[in-house]
N, C-alpha and C. Protein backbone atom coordinates (compact mmCIF):
# COMPACT_ATOMS: atom_id res chain seq x y z
N UNK A 1 -31.29 2.56 -13.22
CA UNK A 1 -29.64 2.52 -13.15
C UNK A 1 -29.26 2.67 -11.75
N UNK A 2 -28.85 1.76 -10.27
CA UNK A 2 -28.59 1.71 -9.70
C UNK A 2 -27.69 1.67 -8.76
N UNK A 3 -26.03 1.93 -9.28
CA UNK A 3 -25.18 2.11 -9.27
C UNK A 3 -24.80 3.70 -9.14
N UNK A 4 -23.86 3.32 -7.57
CA UNK A 4 -23.33 4.29 -7.29
C UNK A 4 -22.40 4.99 -7.92
N UNK A 5 -21.88 4.51 -8.30
CA UNK A 5 -20.66 5.29 -9.57
C UNK A 5 -21.18 5.68 -10.66
N UNK A 6 -21.57 5.00 -11.04
CA UNK A 6 -22.74 5.57 -12.75
C UNK A 6 -23.14 6.61 -12.35
N UNK A 7 -24.42 6.54 -11.02
CA UNK A 7 -24.62 8.44 -11.07
C UNK A 7 -23.72 9.43 -11.11
N UNK A 8 -22.34 9.36 -9.91
CA UNK A 8 -21.56 9.77 -10.19
C UNK A 8 -20.89 10.45 -11.29
N UNK A 9 -20.21 9.45 -12.47
CA UNK A 9 -19.90 9.67 -13.28
C UNK A 9 -21.23 10.45 -14.19
N UNK A 10 -22.40 10.75 -14.27
CA UNK A 10 -22.96 11.20 -14.70
C UNK A 10 -23.80 12.28 -14.84
N UNK A 11 -23.16 12.38 -12.96
CA UNK A 11 -23.22 14.07 -12.60
C UNK A 11 -24.76 13.54 -11.40
N UNK A 12 -25.35 12.70 -11.22
CA UNK A 12 -26.06 12.93 -10.44
C UNK A 12 -26.61 13.06 -8.62
N UNK A 13 -25.13 12.16 -8.48
CA UNK A 13 -24.26 12.22 -7.55
C UNK A 13 -23.19 13.64 -7.63
N UNK A 14 -23.11 14.14 -5.99
CA UNK A 14 -21.94 15.01 -6.13
C UNK A 14 -20.89 13.96 -5.97
N UNK A 15 -19.56 14.47 -6.33
CA UNK A 15 -17.97 14.04 -5.88
C UNK A 15 -17.24 15.40 -5.68
N UNK A 16 -16.19 15.06 -5.50
CA UNK A 16 -15.11 16.39 -5.40
C UNK A 16 -14.20 15.68 -6.49
N UNK A 17 -14.39 15.74 -7.67
CA UNK A 17 -13.77 14.83 -9.10
C UNK A 17 -11.80 16.55 -9.08
N UNK A 18 -11.23 14.86 -9.49
CA UNK A 18 -9.85 15.72 -10.00
C UNK A 18 -9.73 15.24 -11.02
N UNK A 19 -10.16 14.94 -11.89
CA UNK A 19 -9.74 14.24 -13.39
C UNK A 19 -10.59 13.75 -13.89
N UNK A 20 -11.37 14.04 -15.43
CA UNK A 20 -12.01 13.43 -15.90
C UNK A 20 -11.83 13.30 -17.70
N UNK A 21 -12.83 12.50 -18.10
CA UNK A 21 -12.68 12.25 -20.04
C UNK A 21 -13.64 11.66 -20.18
N UNK A 22 -13.28 11.54 -21.55
CA UNK A 22 -14.58 10.27 -22.15
C UNK A 22 -14.58 8.89 -21.59
N UNK A 23 -13.53 8.95 -20.79
CA UNK A 23 -13.50 7.18 -21.20
C UNK A 23 -13.93 6.91 -19.31
N UNK A 24 -12.86 8.10 -18.55
CA UNK A 24 -13.08 7.91 -17.19
C UNK A 24 -13.29 9.22 -15.79
N UNK A 25 -13.38 8.87 -14.58
CA UNK A 25 -13.68 10.14 -14.29
C UNK A 25 -12.91 9.45 -12.55
N UNK A 26 -11.93 10.65 -11.85
CA UNK A 26 -11.53 10.59 -10.92
C UNK A 26 -11.81 11.18 -9.85
N UNK A 27 -12.56 10.99 -8.58
CA UNK A 27 -12.72 11.88 -7.29
C UNK A 27 -12.02 10.93 -6.10
N UNK A 28 -12.18 11.81 -4.89
CA UNK A 28 -11.94 11.82 -3.40
C UNK A 28 -12.58 10.77 -3.02
N UNK A 29 -12.12 10.11 -2.63
CA UNK A 29 -12.98 8.98 -1.74
C UNK A 29 -13.50 9.72 -0.37
N UNK A 30 -15.27 9.29 -0.36
CA UNK A 30 -15.27 9.47 0.64
C UNK A 30 -15.25 8.74 2.35
N UNK A 31 -14.36 8.04 1.97
CA UNK A 31 -13.29 7.25 3.53
C UNK A 31 -12.38 7.09 3.48
N UNK A 32 -11.44 7.94 3.40
CA UNK A 32 -9.83 8.31 2.86
C UNK A 32 -9.24 7.20 3.95
N UNK A 33 -8.53 5.69 3.50
CA UNK A 33 -7.66 5.81 4.06
C UNK A 33 -6.22 6.08 4.53
N UNK A 34 -5.79 6.63 3.17
CA UNK A 34 -4.50 7.77 3.01
C UNK A 34 -5.05 9.31 3.20
N UNK A 35 -4.11 10.23 3.24
CA UNK A 35 -4.24 11.34 2.87
C UNK A 35 -4.35 11.58 1.76
N UNK A 36 -3.97 11.10 0.53
CA UNK A 36 -4.42 10.61 -0.81
C UNK A 36 -5.27 9.73 -0.72
N UNK A 37 -6.28 10.10 -1.49
CA UNK A 37 -7.18 8.32 -1.19
C UNK A 37 -8.66 8.65 -2.80
N UNK A 38 -7.50 8.73 -4.17
CA UNK A 38 -8.84 8.95 -4.75
C UNK A 38 -9.39 7.67 -6.13
N UNK A 39 -10.61 7.19 -6.24
CA UNK A 39 -11.17 6.46 -6.72
C UNK A 39 -11.35 6.52 -8.10
N UNK A 40 -10.68 6.27 -9.18
CA UNK A 40 -10.53 5.78 -10.60
C UNK A 40 -11.62 5.19 -11.20
N UNK A 41 -12.88 5.77 -11.74
CA UNK A 41 -13.17 4.74 -12.39
C UNK A 41 -14.35 4.55 -13.82
N UNK A 42 -14.32 3.57 -14.56
CA UNK A 42 -14.45 3.97 -16.06
C UNK A 42 -15.70 4.63 -15.96
N UNK A 43 -16.29 5.49 -16.83
CA UNK A 43 -17.81 6.18 -17.61
C UNK A 43 -18.61 4.73 -17.40
N UNK A 44 -17.88 3.74 -18.27
CA UNK A 44 -19.03 1.91 -18.53
C UNK A 44 -19.62 1.59 -18.10
N UNK A 45 -20.02 1.20 -17.37
CA UNK A 45 -20.85 0.48 -15.60
C UNK A 45 -19.76 -0.96 -15.94
N UNK A 46 -18.96 -1.76 -15.66
CA UNK A 46 -18.39 -2.71 -15.22
C UNK A 46 -18.34 -3.31 -13.68
N UNK A 47 -19.23 -4.56 -14.39
CA UNK A 47 -18.75 -4.46 -12.10
C UNK A 47 -18.42 -5.05 -11.46
N UNK A 48 -16.94 -5.53 -12.16
CA UNK A 48 -15.53 -6.12 -11.52
C UNK A 48 -14.58 -6.53 -12.79
N UNK A 49 -13.56 -6.57 -11.81
CA UNK A 49 -12.47 -7.18 -13.13
C UNK A 49 -13.04 -8.48 -13.34
N UNK A 50 -13.80 -9.28 -13.03
CA UNK A 50 -13.66 -11.00 -13.05
C UNK A 50 -14.65 -10.46 -14.63
N UNK A 51 -15.49 -9.76 -15.15
CA UNK A 51 -16.06 -8.73 -15.80
C UNK A 51 -15.32 -8.82 -17.72
N UNK A 52 -14.62 -8.16 -17.05
CA UNK A 52 -13.83 -7.67 -18.09
C UNK A 52 -12.54 -8.62 -19.22
N UNK A 53 -13.11 -8.03 -20.28
CA UNK A 53 -12.36 -9.38 -21.69
C UNK A 53 -11.63 -8.32 -22.26
N UNK A 54 -11.23 -9.55 -23.33
CA UNK A 54 -9.88 -8.49 -23.93
C UNK A 54 -10.98 -7.48 -24.34
N UNK A 55 -11.91 -7.17 -24.70
CA UNK A 55 -12.11 -5.55 -25.37
C UNK A 55 -12.01 -4.56 -24.32
N UNK A 56 -11.28 -4.82 -22.69
CA UNK A 56 -11.66 -3.78 -22.49
C UNK A 56 -9.91 -3.71 -21.74
N UNK A 57 -8.89 -4.48 -22.57
CA UNK A 57 -7.54 -3.89 -22.93
C UNK A 57 -6.97 -2.19 -22.54
N UNK A 58 -7.78 -1.83 -23.68
CA UNK A 58 -7.82 -0.14 -23.90
C UNK A 58 -7.83 0.49 -22.50
N UNK A 59 -9.22 0.62 -22.27
CA UNK A 59 -10.21 0.88 -21.56
C UNK A 59 -8.92 0.78 -19.94
N UNK A 60 -8.43 -0.04 -19.78
CA UNK A 60 -7.86 -0.97 -18.05
C UNK A 60 -6.26 0.03 -18.49
N UNK A 61 -5.81 0.17 -19.55
CA UNK A 61 -4.60 0.28 -20.15
C UNK A 61 -4.46 2.18 -19.47
N UNK A 62 -5.72 3.06 -20.34
CA UNK A 62 -6.17 3.98 -19.54
C UNK A 62 -6.71 4.46 -18.45
N UNK A 63 -6.92 3.82 -17.59
CA UNK A 63 -6.93 3.60 -15.98
C UNK A 63 -5.73 3.67 -15.21
N UNK A 64 -4.92 2.92 -15.89
CA UNK A 64 -3.20 2.71 -14.84
C UNK A 64 -3.07 4.22 -15.20
N UNK A 65 -2.87 4.35 -16.30
CA UNK A 65 -2.08 5.84 -17.39
C UNK A 65 -2.40 6.96 -16.06
N UNK A 66 -4.58 7.28 -16.16
CA UNK A 66 -4.43 7.68 -15.67
C UNK A 66 -4.27 8.28 -13.84
N UNK A 67 -4.26 6.92 -13.45
CA UNK A 67 -3.94 6.46 -12.05
C UNK A 67 -2.08 7.45 -11.85
N UNK A 68 -1.00 6.83 -12.30
CA UNK A 68 0.25 7.32 -12.72
C UNK A 68 -0.07 9.17 -12.79
N UNK A 69 -0.82 9.39 -13.59
CA UNK A 69 -1.05 10.90 -13.33
C UNK A 69 -1.71 11.70 -12.47
N UNK A 70 -2.16 11.32 -12.31
CA UNK A 70 -2.76 12.07 -10.88
C UNK A 70 -1.59 11.70 -9.61
N UNK A 71 -0.97 10.56 -9.52
CA UNK A 71 -0.08 10.28 -8.84
C UNK A 71 0.65 11.14 -8.69
N UNK A 72 1.73 11.79 -9.88
CA UNK A 72 2.14 13.20 -9.95
C UNK A 72 1.70 14.32 -9.78
N UNK A 73 0.53 14.12 -9.91
CA UNK A 73 -0.52 16.02 -9.62
C UNK A 73 -0.50 15.83 -8.18
N UNK A 74 -0.50 14.71 -7.91
CA UNK A 74 -0.49 15.13 -5.71
C UNK A 74 0.25 15.14 -5.47
N UNK A 75 1.51 14.60 -5.92
CA UNK A 75 3.00 14.79 -5.35
C UNK A 75 3.73 13.94 -4.97
N UNK A 76 3.22 12.13 -5.49
CA UNK A 76 3.09 11.20 -4.24
C UNK A 76 4.43 10.07 -4.91
N UNK A 77 6.08 11.66 -5.13
CA UNK A 77 7.27 10.80 -5.48
C UNK A 77 7.20 10.33 -4.83
N UNK A 78 7.23 10.12 -3.33
CA UNK A 78 7.74 9.03 -2.67
C UNK A 78 7.13 7.52 -2.69
N UNK A 79 6.28 7.33 -3.55
CA UNK A 79 5.42 6.14 -3.58
C UNK A 79 4.47 6.76 -3.40
N UNK A 80 3.11 5.54 -3.78
CA UNK A 80 1.85 5.14 -4.18
C UNK A 80 1.17 3.40 -4.17
N UNK A 81 0.31 3.60 -3.88
CA UNK A 81 -0.55 1.97 -4.78
C UNK A 81 -1.72 2.61 -5.18
N UNK A 82 -1.51 1.25 -5.85
CA UNK A 82 -3.08 1.26 -6.60
C UNK A 82 -3.72 0.26 -5.99
N UNK A 83 -4.67 -0.12 -6.36
CA UNK A 83 -5.92 -1.48 -5.67
C UNK A 83 -7.03 -1.08 -6.31
N UNK A 84 -7.16 -3.20 -6.85
CA UNK A 84 -8.49 -3.08 -7.21
C UNK A 84 -9.00 -4.16 -6.64
N UNK A 85 -10.10 -3.81 -5.98
CA UNK A 85 -10.73 -5.15 -5.23
C UNK A 85 -12.04 -5.49 -5.89
N UNK A 86 -11.82 -7.02 -6.05
CA UNK A 86 -12.70 -7.98 -6.96
C UNK A 86 -13.62 -8.85 -6.12
N UNK A 87 -15.15 -8.13 -5.92
CA UNK A 87 -15.73 -9.38 -5.17
C UNK A 87 -15.87 -9.43 -4.04
N UNK A 88 -16.54 -9.70 -3.00
CA UNK A 88 -16.88 -9.16 -1.48
C UNK A 88 -15.19 -9.71 -0.49
N UNK A 89 -14.89 -11.32 -1.19
CA UNK A 89 -13.60 -11.58 -0.50
C UNK A 89 -12.43 -10.96 -0.79
N UNK A 90 -12.40 -10.40 -1.93
CA UNK A 90 -11.03 -8.94 -2.45
C UNK A 90 -11.55 -7.58 -1.37
N UNK A 91 -12.58 -7.68 -1.42
CA UNK A 91 -12.97 -6.26 -0.68
C UNK A 91 -13.77 -5.18 -1.14
N UNK A 92 -14.43 -6.02 -2.47
CA UNK A 92 -15.52 -4.88 -3.39
C UNK A 92 -16.30 -3.93 -2.38
N UNK A 93 -16.95 -3.10 -2.21
CA UNK A 93 -18.33 -3.04 -1.83
C UNK A 93 -19.08 -1.86 -2.36
N UNK A 94 -18.42 -1.39 -4.14
CA UNK A 94 -19.15 -1.08 -4.66
C UNK A 94 -19.12 -1.57 -5.99
N UNK A 95 -20.11 -2.20 -6.10
CA UNK A 95 -20.10 -3.39 -7.81
C UNK A 95 -20.21 -2.14 -9.06
N UNK A 96 -18.25 -1.37 -9.27
CA UNK A 96 -18.47 -0.75 -10.34
C UNK A 96 -16.82 -1.11 -10.15
N UNK A 97 -16.05 -1.66 -11.22
CA UNK A 97 -14.64 -1.46 -11.48
C UNK A 97 -14.51 -0.24 -11.61
N UNK A 98 -13.33 -0.34 -10.12
CA UNK A 98 -12.66 1.23 -9.65
C UNK A 98 -11.64 0.90 -9.42
N UNK A 99 -10.80 1.54 -9.49
CA UNK A 99 -9.02 1.63 -8.58
C UNK A 99 -9.04 2.41 -7.95
N UNK A 100 -8.80 2.25 -6.46
CA UNK A 100 -8.35 3.45 -5.56
C UNK A 100 -6.26 3.87 -5.90
N UNK A 101 -5.91 4.87 -5.62
CA UNK A 101 -5.19 5.69 -5.84
C UNK A 101 -5.13 6.10 -4.09
N UNK A 102 -4.04 5.22 -3.36
CA UNK A 102 -3.54 6.01 -2.25
C UNK A 102 -2.28 6.09 -2.33
N UNK A 103 -2.36 7.26 -1.15
CA UNK A 103 -0.37 7.92 -0.77
C UNK A 103 -0.66 8.84 0.30
N UNK A 104 0.60 9.20 0.40
CA UNK A 104 0.82 10.55 1.30
C UNK A 104 1.43 9.49 2.59
N UNK A 105 2.00 8.30 3.19
CA UNK A 105 1.88 7.89 3.50
C UNK A 105 2.83 6.49 3.47
N UNK A 106 3.54 6.01 4.33
CA UNK A 106 4.07 4.88 3.70
C UNK A 106 3.02 3.44 4.39
N UNK A 107 3.04 2.74 3.15
CA UNK A 107 2.36 1.78 3.11
C UNK A 107 2.74 0.31 3.80
N UNK A 108 2.21 -0.76 4.18
CA UNK A 108 2.40 -1.79 5.01
C UNK A 108 2.26 -2.53 4.61
N UNK A 109 2.86 -3.38 4.62
CA UNK A 109 2.30 -5.14 4.31
C UNK A 109 2.46 -6.56 4.56
N UNK A 110 1.41 -7.09 4.38
CA UNK A 110 0.47 -6.98 3.96
C UNK A 110 -0.69 -6.08 4.14
N UNK A 111 -1.52 -5.85 3.15
CA UNK A 111 -2.24 -4.84 3.40
C UNK A 111 -3.62 -4.65 4.32
N UNK A 112 -4.00 -6.08 4.66
CA UNK A 112 -4.87 -6.08 5.38
C UNK A 112 -5.98 -7.96 5.19
C-alpha cells in the first residue's frame, strides 16, 4: 500500500484527525490554504472521481454530509468551500479521492 491517505486512514501515518467513522476520516491539511482547511477521505481507496460509479452514490453523499457537519463545527457560518480535485490538470496531488473543506476567510472566483 503506497497511498499516503490509505496509510493515514489506517493510522500508519499520523494526522490531526477531527472526525472519523466507519466510512471516512477527516483531518487537517498539512499545507492549509485557508484558516480552516480539512481533508475528508473515504477509508476505501478510490483513486479519483474518475473511478466513481453508481455503487459509490451513498459514500459520496456521506462525504458531503460530513463536510457540512464539519463546517458547522468549525463555525463557518459566513460560508465555506468544498472542492474535489480530479487528475493532474484538476490539481489532484494525492491519488485518493478527497474533499477539501476550506473556510475562515473570503473565497474568490475563479479559484485558480
